[in-house]
């Protein structure tokens, strides 16, 4: 192999190596199924029920965080899950979401629709309430 061909072969090999090294990591494009947490922030100490909506990528399943809570859900459409959780609610994780891609956590939005106290009286204001979806 003469010098020009050798240099061409080395440059071509380096070009391929640089292209592969600079390309997107193929494993980052692969969906990683797993669990996300639906976390409640509440200004009250006696919440007994909450209705909520979670919108975004698909959700395979939703589960109450522990057996003391009852969860009822329905798919409103392909991108929105509507739910009600009943029991002694406190700030922190109240529901876990099984999703096909935990890497899409930032694409989910959640909102509190209504909250009732433990005597089943609806809260007049939702000020201070928040729901977040997090890994």
N, C-alpha and C. Protein backbone atom coordinates (compact mmCIF):
# COMPACT_ATOMS: atom_id res chain seq x y z
N UNK A 1 0.87 -1.16 0.00
CA UNK A 1 0.00 0.00 0.00
C UNK A 1 0.91 1.22 0.00
N UNK A 2 0.66 2.12 -0.95
CA UNK A 2 1.52 3.30 -0.99
C UNK A 2 1.10 4.30 0.06
N UNK A 3 1.89 5.35 0.25
CA UNK A 3 1.69 6.33 1.32
C UNK A 3 0.35 7.05 1.22
N UNK A 4 -0.08 7.40 0.02
CA UNK A 4 -1.33 8.15 -0.14
C UNK A 4 -2.52 7.28 0.25
N UNK A 5 -2.50 6.01 -0.14
CA UNK A 5 -3.60 5.10 0.23
C UNK A 5 -3.62 4.88 1.74
N UNK A 6 -2.44 4.74 2.32
CA UNK A 6 -2.36 4.53 3.77
C UNK A 6 -2.95 5.74 4.53
N UNK A 7 -2.58 6.92 4.13
CA UNK A 7 -3.10 8.14 4.77
C UNK A 7 -4.62 8.21 4.58
N UNK A 8 -5.10 7.89 3.36
CA UNK A 8 -6.53 7.90 3.10
C UNK A 8 -7.26 6.90 4.01
N UNK A 9 -6.71 5.71 4.17
CA UNK A 9 -7.33 4.68 5.03
C UNK A 9 -7.37 5.14 6.49
N UNK A 10 -6.30 5.76 6.97
CA UNK A 10 -6.25 6.23 8.35
C UNK A 10 -7.27 7.36 8.54
N UNK A 11 -7.33 8.30 7.62
CA UNK A 11 -8.27 9.42 7.72
C UNK A 11 -9.71 8.90 7.69
N UNK A 12 -9.99 7.94 6.81
CA UNK A 12 -11.33 7.36 6.74
C UNK A 12 -11.70 6.67 8.05
N UNK A 13 -10.78 5.91 8.61
CA UNK A 13 -11.05 5.22 9.87
C UNK A 13 -11.28 6.22 10.99
N UNK A 14 -10.48 7.28 11.05
CA UNK A 14 -10.68 8.31 12.06
C UNK A 14 -12.01 9.03 11.88
N UNK A 15 -12.41 9.27 10.65
CA UNK A 15 -13.68 9.93 10.39
C UNK A 15 -14.85 9.10 10.90
N UNK A 16 -14.79 7.79 10.67
CA UNK A 16 -15.83 6.91 11.17
C UNK A 16 -15.84 6.91 12.69
N UNK A 17 -14.67 6.86 13.31
CA UNK A 17 -14.60 6.86 14.78
C UNK A 17 -15.15 8.16 15.35
N UNK A 18 -14.82 9.28 14.73
CA UNK A 18 -15.33 10.57 15.22
C UNK A 18 -16.84 10.64 15.02
N UNK A 19 -17.34 10.17 13.90
CA UNK A 19 -18.79 10.21 13.65
C UNK A 19 -19.53 9.36 14.67
N UNK A 20 -19.02 8.20 14.98
CA UNK A 20 -19.66 7.33 15.97
C UNK A 20 -19.58 7.97 17.35
N UNK A 21 -18.44 8.54 17.68
CA UNK A 21 -18.26 9.17 18.99
C UNK A 21 -19.14 10.39 19.18
N UNK A 22 -19.43 11.11 18.10
CA UNK A 22 -20.24 12.32 18.20
C UNK A 22 -21.72 12.06 18.01
N UNK A 23 -22.09 10.87 17.60
CA UNK A 23 -23.51 10.59 17.39
C UNK A 23 -24.21 10.45 18.73
N UNK A 24 -25.52 10.55 18.68
CA UNK A 24 -26.31 10.35 19.90
C UNK A 24 -26.10 8.95 20.41
N UNK A 25 -26.01 8.81 21.71
CA UNK A 25 -25.87 7.50 22.33
C UNK A 25 -27.14 6.71 22.05
N UNK A 26 -27.04 5.57 21.42
CA UNK A 26 -28.22 4.80 21.04
C UNK A 26 -29.01 4.32 22.25
N UNK A 27 -28.36 4.18 23.40
CA UNK A 27 -29.10 3.72 24.58
C UNK A 27 -29.99 4.82 25.14
N UNK A 28 -29.66 6.10 24.88
CA UNK A 28 -30.50 7.18 25.39
C UNK A 28 -31.82 7.27 24.64
N UNK A 29 -31.88 6.74 23.43
CA UNK A 29 -33.11 6.78 22.65
C UNK A 29 -34.04 5.63 23.02
N UNK A 30 -33.55 4.68 23.77
CA UNK A 30 -34.36 3.53 24.14
C UNK A 30 -35.19 3.87 25.37
N UNK A 31 -36.48 3.63 25.27
CA UNK A 31 -37.38 3.89 26.40
C UNK A 31 -37.04 2.98 27.57
N UNK A 32 -37.05 3.55 28.76
CA UNK A 32 -36.79 2.80 29.98
C UNK A 32 -38.07 2.78 30.81
N UNK A 33 -38.83 1.68 30.78
CA UNK A 33 -40.05 1.63 31.58
C UNK A 33 -39.72 1.68 33.07
N UNK A 34 -40.65 2.23 33.83
CA UNK A 34 -40.42 2.31 35.26
C UNK A 34 -41.53 3.06 35.97
N UNK A 35 -41.19 3.56 37.15
CA UNK A 35 -42.17 4.19 38.04
C UNK A 35 -41.83 5.65 38.27
N UNK A 36 -42.86 6.50 38.20
CA UNK A 36 -42.75 7.90 38.56
C UNK A 36 -43.64 8.15 39.77
N UNK A 37 -43.31 9.16 40.54
CA UNK A 37 -44.09 9.51 41.73
C UNK A 37 -44.94 10.73 41.47
N UNK A 38 -46.18 10.67 41.91
CA UNK A 38 -47.07 11.82 41.90
C UNK A 38 -47.06 12.38 43.32
N UNK A 39 -46.43 13.56 43.49
CA UNK A 39 -46.20 14.12 44.82
C UNK A 39 -47.14 15.29 45.08
N UNK A 40 -47.80 15.23 46.21
CA UNK A 40 -48.73 16.27 46.64
C UNK A 40 -48.03 17.25 47.58
N UNK A 41 -48.29 18.52 47.37
CA UNK A 41 -47.93 19.56 48.33
C UNK A 41 -49.25 20.11 48.84
N UNK A 42 -49.47 20.06 50.14
CA UNK A 42 -50.73 20.49 50.74
C UNK A 42 -50.47 21.47 51.88
N UNK A 43 -51.26 22.56 51.93
CA UNK A 43 -51.13 23.48 53.05
C UNK A 43 -51.96 23.05 54.27
N UNK A 44 -52.73 21.97 54.14
CA UNK A 44 -53.64 21.52 55.20
C UNK A 44 -53.14 20.23 55.83
N UNK A 45 -53.62 19.96 57.04
CA UNK A 45 -53.23 18.75 57.76
C UNK A 45 -54.35 17.72 57.82
N UNK A 46 -55.53 18.05 57.26
CA UNK A 46 -56.66 17.12 57.38
C UNK A 46 -57.34 16.82 56.04
N UNK A 47 -56.53 16.67 54.98
CA UNK A 47 -57.09 16.32 53.67
C UNK A 47 -57.54 14.87 53.66
N UNK A 48 -58.73 14.63 53.07
CA UNK A 48 -59.25 13.28 53.03
C UNK A 48 -59.54 12.74 51.64
N UNK A 49 -59.57 13.63 50.64
CA UNK A 49 -59.82 13.18 49.27
C UNK A 49 -59.33 14.25 48.30
N UNK A 50 -58.89 13.78 47.13
CA UNK A 50 -58.42 14.70 46.10
C UNK A 50 -58.73 14.12 44.74
N UNK A 51 -59.20 14.96 43.84
CA UNK A 51 -59.29 14.58 42.44
C UNK A 51 -58.17 15.31 41.71
N UNK A 52 -57.63 14.67 40.68
CA UNK A 52 -56.48 15.21 39.98
C UNK A 52 -56.48 14.78 38.53
N UNK A 53 -55.63 15.44 37.74
CA UNK A 53 -55.39 15.06 36.34
C UNK A 53 -53.89 15.02 36.10
N UNK A 54 -53.47 14.04 35.34
CA UNK A 54 -52.08 13.95 34.89
C UNK A 54 -52.12 13.84 33.38
N UNK A 55 -51.40 14.73 32.70
CA UNK A 55 -51.37 14.74 31.24
C UNK A 55 -49.94 14.58 30.76
N UNK A 56 -49.81 14.03 29.56
CA UNK A 56 -48.50 13.86 28.96
C UNK A 56 -48.41 12.56 28.20
N UNK A 57 -47.22 11.97 28.17
CA UNK A 57 -47.03 10.68 27.50
C UNK A 57 -47.91 9.60 28.14
N UNK A 58 -47.99 8.43 27.54
CA UNK A 58 -48.84 7.37 28.09
C UNK A 58 -48.47 6.98 29.53
N UNK A 59 -49.50 6.57 30.26
CA UNK A 59 -49.35 6.03 31.61
C UNK A 59 -49.95 4.63 31.57
N UNK A 60 -49.15 3.62 31.91
CA UNK A 60 -49.63 2.24 31.86
C UNK A 60 -50.55 1.90 33.02
N UNK A 61 -50.22 2.42 34.20
CA UNK A 61 -50.97 2.06 35.40
C UNK A 61 -50.70 3.09 36.49
N UNK A 62 -51.64 3.23 37.39
CA UNK A 62 -51.46 4.10 38.55
C UNK A 62 -51.85 3.31 39.79
N UNK A 63 -51.09 3.50 40.88
CA UNK A 63 -51.30 2.76 42.11
C UNK A 63 -51.18 3.71 43.30
N UNK A 64 -52.06 3.55 44.28
CA UNK A 64 -51.92 4.32 45.52
C UNK A 64 -50.62 3.92 46.19
N UNK A 65 -49.98 4.86 46.85
CA UNK A 65 -48.66 4.63 47.42
C UNK A 65 -48.70 3.61 48.57
N UNK A 66 -49.84 3.51 49.27
CA UNK A 66 -49.94 2.48 50.31
C UNK A 66 -51.40 2.04 50.46
N UNK A 67 -51.62 0.98 51.22
CA UNK A 67 -52.93 0.35 51.34
C UNK A 67 -53.94 1.21 52.10
N UNK A 68 -53.50 2.26 52.79
CA UNK A 68 -54.44 3.12 53.51
C UNK A 68 -55.18 4.07 52.57
N UNK A 69 -54.72 4.18 51.33
CA UNK A 69 -55.35 5.05 50.35
C UNK A 69 -56.10 4.25 49.30
N UNK A 70 -57.24 4.76 48.87
CA UNK A 70 -58.00 4.14 47.76
C UNK A 70 -57.84 5.04 46.55
N UNK A 71 -57.56 4.43 45.42
CA UNK A 71 -57.36 5.19 44.18
C UNK A 71 -58.34 4.72 43.13
N UNK A 72 -58.96 5.68 42.46
CA UNK A 72 -59.87 5.42 41.35
C UNK A 72 -59.37 6.23 40.17
N UNK A 73 -59.22 5.59 39.00
CA UNK A 73 -58.72 6.31 37.83
C UNK A 73 -59.51 5.93 36.59
N UNK A 74 -59.40 6.82 35.61
CA UNK A 74 -59.90 6.53 34.26
C UNK A 74 -59.06 7.31 33.27
N UNK A 75 -58.93 6.79 32.06
CA UNK A 75 -58.25 7.50 30.99
C UNK A 75 -59.26 8.45 30.36
N UNK A 76 -59.03 9.74 30.45
CA UNK A 76 -59.92 10.72 29.84
C UNK A 76 -59.73 10.73 28.33
N UNK A 77 -58.50 10.57 27.90
CA UNK A 77 -58.15 10.44 26.49
C UNK A 77 -56.76 9.81 26.44
N UNK A 78 -56.16 9.79 25.28
CA UNK A 78 -54.87 9.13 25.15
C UNK A 78 -53.75 9.77 25.93
N UNK A 79 -53.94 11.02 26.38
CA UNK A 79 -52.85 11.69 27.07
C UNK A 79 -53.22 12.22 28.46
N UNK A 80 -54.41 11.92 28.95
CA UNK A 80 -54.82 12.43 30.27
C UNK A 80 -55.42 11.32 31.13
N UNK A 81 -54.89 11.20 32.34
CA UNK A 81 -55.41 10.29 33.35
C UNK A 81 -56.10 11.14 34.40
N UNK A 82 -57.35 10.79 34.71
CA UNK A 82 -58.11 11.48 35.75
C UNK A 82 -58.22 10.51 36.92
N UNK A 83 -58.01 11.03 38.15
CA UNK A 83 -58.04 10.15 39.30
C UNK A 83 -58.61 10.81 40.54
N UNK A 84 -58.98 9.96 41.48
CA UNK A 84 -59.41 10.40 42.80
C UNK A 84 -58.72 9.49 43.80
N UNK A 85 -58.11 10.10 44.80
CA UNK A 85 -57.46 9.34 45.86
C UNK A 85 -58.13 9.74 47.17
N UNK A 86 -58.48 8.71 47.97
CA UNK A 86 -59.25 8.92 49.19
C UNK A 86 -58.51 8.28 50.35
N UNK A 87 -58.47 8.97 51.47
CA UNK A 87 -57.81 8.48 52.67
C UNK A 87 -57.13 9.63 53.38
N UNK A 88 -56.26 9.33 54.29
CA UNK A 88 -55.52 10.37 55.00
C UNK A 88 -54.39 10.84 54.10
N UNK A 89 -54.58 12.01 53.48
CA UNK A 89 -53.60 12.54 52.53
C UNK A 89 -52.67 13.51 53.24
N UNK A 90 -51.39 13.36 52.97
CA UNK A 90 -50.38 14.27 53.49
C UNK A 90 -49.46 14.66 52.36
N UNK A 91 -48.69 15.70 52.55
CA UNK A 91 -47.72 16.10 51.54
C UNK A 91 -46.73 14.96 51.33
N UNK A 92 -46.40 14.73 50.08
CA UNK A 92 -45.48 13.65 49.71
C UNK A 92 -46.10 12.81 48.61
N UNK A 93 -45.48 11.70 48.31
CA UNK A 93 -45.96 10.82 47.25
C UNK A 93 -47.27 10.17 47.66
N UNK A 94 -48.28 10.31 46.80
CA UNK A 94 -49.59 9.70 47.06
C UNK A 94 -49.92 8.62 46.03
N UNK A 95 -49.35 8.74 44.83
CA UNK A 95 -49.64 7.79 43.74
C UNK A 95 -48.34 7.50 43.00
N UNK A 96 -48.18 6.25 42.58
CA UNK A 96 -47.08 5.92 41.69
C UNK A 96 -47.65 5.63 40.31
N UNK A 97 -46.92 6.06 39.30
CA UNK A 97 -47.34 5.90 37.91
C UNK A 97 -46.37 4.95 37.22
N UNK A 98 -46.89 3.89 36.63
CA UNK A 98 -46.07 3.00 35.82
C UNK A 98 -46.10 3.55 34.40
N UNK A 99 -44.94 3.87 33.86
CA UNK A 99 -44.85 4.51 32.55
C UNK A 99 -43.89 3.74 31.65
N UNK A 100 -44.09 3.84 30.34
CA UNK A 100 -43.19 3.15 29.42
C UNK A 100 -41.82 3.79 29.29
N UNK A 101 -41.67 5.07 29.73
CA UNK A 101 -40.38 5.74 29.60
C UNK A 101 -40.20 6.76 30.73
N UNK A 102 -39.43 6.40 31.74
CA UNK A 102 -39.19 7.32 32.87
C UNK A 102 -38.38 8.54 32.43
N UNK A 103 -37.69 8.44 31.32
CA UNK A 103 -36.94 9.57 30.79
C UNK A 103 -37.83 10.71 30.34
N UNK A 104 -39.11 10.44 30.18
CA UNK A 104 -40.06 11.47 29.76
C UNK A 104 -40.74 12.15 30.94
N UNK A 105 -40.23 11.99 32.14
CA UNK A 105 -40.87 12.53 33.35
C UNK A 105 -41.17 14.02 33.24
N UNK A 106 -40.28 14.79 32.64
CA UNK A 106 -40.47 16.23 32.55
C UNK A 106 -41.62 16.61 31.62
N UNK A 107 -42.08 15.69 30.81
CA UNK A 107 -43.17 15.98 29.87
C UNK A 107 -44.55 15.80 30.49
N UNK A 108 -44.61 15.28 31.72
CA UNK A 108 -45.89 15.12 32.40
C UNK A 108 -46.24 16.39 33.17
N UNK A 109 -47.53 16.72 33.16
CA UNK A 109 -48.03 17.80 34.01
C UNK A 109 -49.16 17.23 34.86
N UNK A 110 -49.27 17.72 36.07
CA UNK A 110 -50.31 17.23 36.98
C UNK A 110 -50.95 18.43 37.66
N UNK A 111 -52.25 18.31 37.92
CA UNK A 111 -52.93 19.39 38.61
C UNK A 111 -53.98 18.85 39.56
N UNK A 112 -54.15 19.55 40.67
CA UNK A 112 -55.20 19.24 41.64
C UNK A 112 -56.49 19.84 41.09
N UNK A 113 -57.55 19.04 41.04
CA UNK A 113 -58.85 19.52 40.57
C UNK A 113 -59.72 19.94 41.75
N UNK A 114 -59.82 19.07 42.76
CA UNK A 114 -60.59 19.36 43.97
C UNK A 114 -59.96 18.64 45.15
N UNK A 115 -60.18 19.20 46.34
CA UNK A 115 -59.73 18.56 47.57
C UNK A 115 -60.85 18.70 48.60
N UNK A 116 -61.05 17.63 49.37
CA UNK A 116 -62.01 17.66 50.48
C UNK A 116 -61.28 17.31 51.76
N UNK A 117 -61.80 17.85 52.87
CA UNK A 117 -61.22 17.50 54.16
C UNK A 117 -61.74 16.13 54.59
N UNK A 118 -61.37 15.67 55.75
CA UNK A 118 -61.76 14.32 56.20
C UNK A 118 -63.23 14.23 56.60
N UNK A 119 -63.93 15.37 56.63
CA UNK A 119 -65.38 15.35 56.87
C UNK A 119 -66.14 15.51 55.55
N UNK A 120 -65.43 15.35 54.44
CA UNK A 120 -65.99 15.42 53.08
C UNK A 120 -66.47 16.80 52.68
N UNK A 121 -65.91 17.83 53.25
CA UNK A 121 -66.24 19.20 52.86
C UNK A 121 -65.18 19.68 51.86
N UNK A 122 -65.65 20.13 50.69
CA UNK A 122 -64.72 20.61 49.67
C UNK A 122 -63.99 21.86 50.16
N UNK A 123 -62.72 21.93 49.80
CA UNK A 123 -61.93 23.12 50.12
C UNK A 123 -62.44 24.27 49.25
N UNK A 124 -62.60 25.43 49.86
CA UNK A 124 -63.06 26.61 49.13
C UNK A 124 -61.97 27.13 48.19
N UNK A 125 -60.72 26.88 48.53
CA UNK A 125 -59.60 27.37 47.73
C UNK A 125 -58.55 26.26 47.59
N UNK A 126 -57.92 26.24 46.45
CA UNK A 126 -56.81 25.30 46.22
C UNK A 126 -55.45 25.99 46.34
N UNK A 127 -55.44 27.19 46.88
CA UNK A 127 -54.17 27.91 47.07
C UNK A 127 -53.25 27.09 47.95
N UNK A 128 -52.03 26.93 47.50
CA UNK A 128 -51.05 26.17 48.27
C UNK A 128 -50.97 24.71 47.89
N UNK A 129 -51.92 24.22 47.10
CA UNK A 129 -51.88 22.83 46.65
C UNK A 129 -51.10 22.73 45.35
N UNK A 130 -50.35 21.66 45.22
CA UNK A 130 -49.60 21.41 43.98
C UNK A 130 -49.37 19.92 43.83
N UNK A 131 -49.28 19.48 42.59
CA UNK A 131 -48.89 18.10 42.26
C UNK A 131 -47.72 18.16 41.32
N UNK A 132 -46.73 17.31 41.56
CA UNK A 132 -45.58 17.20 40.67
C UNK A 132 -45.35 15.74 40.32
N UNK A 133 -44.83 15.53 39.13
CA UNK A 133 -44.46 14.19 38.68
C UNK A 133 -42.94 14.13 38.66
N UNK A 134 -42.38 13.16 39.37
CA UNK A 134 -40.92 13.07 39.49
C UNK A 134 -40.48 11.61 39.50
N UNK A 135 -39.23 11.39 39.05
CA UNK A 135 -38.69 10.02 39.10
C UNK A 135 -38.53 9.52 40.52
